[in-house]
């Protein structure tokens, strides 16, 4: 049986620069940025509760009329990746071999 790698994808559109930066920094503590306003987090019920509570009680009250956050659940074994996202979770190590 193939194991599934469950993941949480958080996408957001927050117009206020200060709030957006704080939200981005918050998510960076728990996952990896896939795109400018998209993060991938390992799936865990405890982590999801932490994120939802912080959004509801801290970030959502600061929203402007068009702001939004979407949380998706996915099985990464079924995900298709293109471009630089193909390197995420592959354990690539970059080494500087220059003598500088």
Protein backbone atom coordinates (compact mmCIF):
# COMPACT_ATOMS: atom_id res chain seq x y z
CA UNK A 1 0.00 0.00 0.00
CA UNK A 2 1.32 3.45 -0.93
CA UNK A 3 1.47 5.86 1.98
CA UNK A 4 -0.18 9.21 1.53
CA UNK A 5 1.56 12.47 2.31
CA UNK A 6 -1.20 14.74 3.52
CA UNK A 7 -0.56 18.44 3.26
CA UNK A 8 -2.30 21.71 4.00
CA UNK A 9 -2.15 24.41 1.33
CA UNK A 10 -2.86 27.96 2.52
CA UNK A 11 -3.55 30.64 -0.11
CA UNK A 12 -4.22 34.22 0.83
CA UNK A 13 -5.00 37.60 -0.64
CA UNK A 14 -4.52 40.31 1.99
CA UNK A 15 -4.36 43.91 0.79
CA UNK A 16 -2.76 45.55 3.84
CA UNK A 17 1.03 45.19 3.55
CA UNK A 18 1.62 45.04 7.30
CA UNK A 19 -1.06 42.39 7.92
CA UNK A 20 0.06 40.38 4.86
CA UNK A 21 3.69 40.41 6.03
CA UNK A 22 2.70 39.29 9.53
CA UNK A 23 0.55 36.49 8.10
CA UNK A 24 3.33 35.39 5.77
CA UNK A 25 5.83 35.33 8.65
CA UNK A 26 3.34 33.39 10.76
CA UNK A 27 2.93 30.71 8.08
CA UNK A 28 6.68 30.54 7.48
CA UNK A 29 7.02 29.19 11.04
CA UNK A 30 5.03 26.11 10.04
CA UNK A 31 5.73 25.42 6.39
CA UNK A 32 7.35 26.36 3.12
CA UNK A 33 6.38 29.10 0.69
CA UNK A 34 5.34 27.73 -2.70
CA UNK A 35 4.47 31.08 -4.28
CA UNK A 36 4.16 34.66 -3.07
CA UNK A 37 0.84 34.05 -1.30
CA UNK A 38 0.80 30.25 -1.06
CA UNK A 39 2.28 28.03 1.67
CA UNK A 40 2.47 24.27 2.07
CA UNK A 41 2.28 22.87 5.60
CA UNK A 42 2.49 19.30 6.87
CA UNK A 43 -0.99 18.08 7.77
CA UNK A 44 -1.67 17.79 11.48
CA UNK A 45 -4.91 18.35 13.36
CA UNK A 46 -3.07 20.24 16.09
CA UNK A 47 -1.33 22.55 13.62
CA UNK A 48 -4.59 23.19 11.79
CA UNK A 49 -6.27 24.23 15.05
CA UNK A 50 -3.41 26.63 15.83
CA UNK A 51 -3.64 28.21 12.38
CA UNK A 52 -7.44 28.48 12.41
CA UNK A 53 -7.50 30.07 15.87
CA UNK A 54 -4.83 32.61 14.94
CA UNK A 55 -6.68 33.51 11.73
CA UNK A 56 -10.07 33.86 13.47
CA UNK A 57 -8.88 35.83 16.48
CA UNK A 58 -5.94 37.84 15.15
CA UNK A 59 -5.86 38.17 11.37
CA UNK A 60 -9.53 38.12 10.32
CA UNK A 61 -10.46 41.14 12.49
CA UNK A 62 -7.85 43.12 10.52
CA UNK A 63 -9.22 42.12 7.08
CA UNK A 64 -10.35 44.68 4.57
CA UNK A 65 -13.42 44.00 2.39
CA UNK A 66 -11.66 42.00 -0.36
CA UNK A 67 -9.24 39.99 1.81
CA UNK A 68 -9.43 36.20 1.91
CA UNK A 69 -7.65 33.07 3.10
CA UNK A 70 -8.31 29.62 1.63
CA UNK A 71 -7.14 26.41 3.30
CA UNK A 72 -7.00 23.25 1.17
CA UNK A 73 -6.11 19.68 2.09
CA UNK A 74 -4.29 17.51 -0.40
CA UNK A 75 -2.49 14.23 -0.91
CA UNK A 76 0.92 15.22 -2.26
CA UNK A 77 1.33 11.82 -3.91
CA UNK A 78 -1.38 12.96 -6.32
CA UNK A 79 -0.02 16.49 -6.80
CA UNK A 80 1.52 17.53 -10.09
CA UNK A 81 4.29 20.11 -9.86
CA UNK A 82 6.00 22.21 -12.52
CA UNK A 83 8.85 24.70 -12.41
CA UNK A 84 10.67 25.41 -9.18
CA UNK A 85 7.96 23.69 -7.14
CA UNK A 86 9.28 20.34 -8.43
CA UNK A 87 12.30 20.77 -6.13
CA UNK A 88 10.30 21.25 -2.94
CA UNK A 89 10.55 18.23 -0.61
CA UNK A 90 13.33 16.66 -2.69
CA UNK A 91 16.12 17.52 -0.26
CA UNK A 92 18.23 19.46 -2.73
CA UNK A 93 21.45 20.86 -1.30
CA UNK A 94 23.11 23.85 -2.93
CA UNK A 95 26.85 24.15 -2.42
CA UNK A 96 29.08 27.06 -3.27
CA UNK A 97 32.28 25.53 -4.60
CA UNK A 98 33.94 28.86 -5.32
CA UNK A 99 37.04 29.76 -3.33
CA UNK A 100 35.69 33.26 -2.56
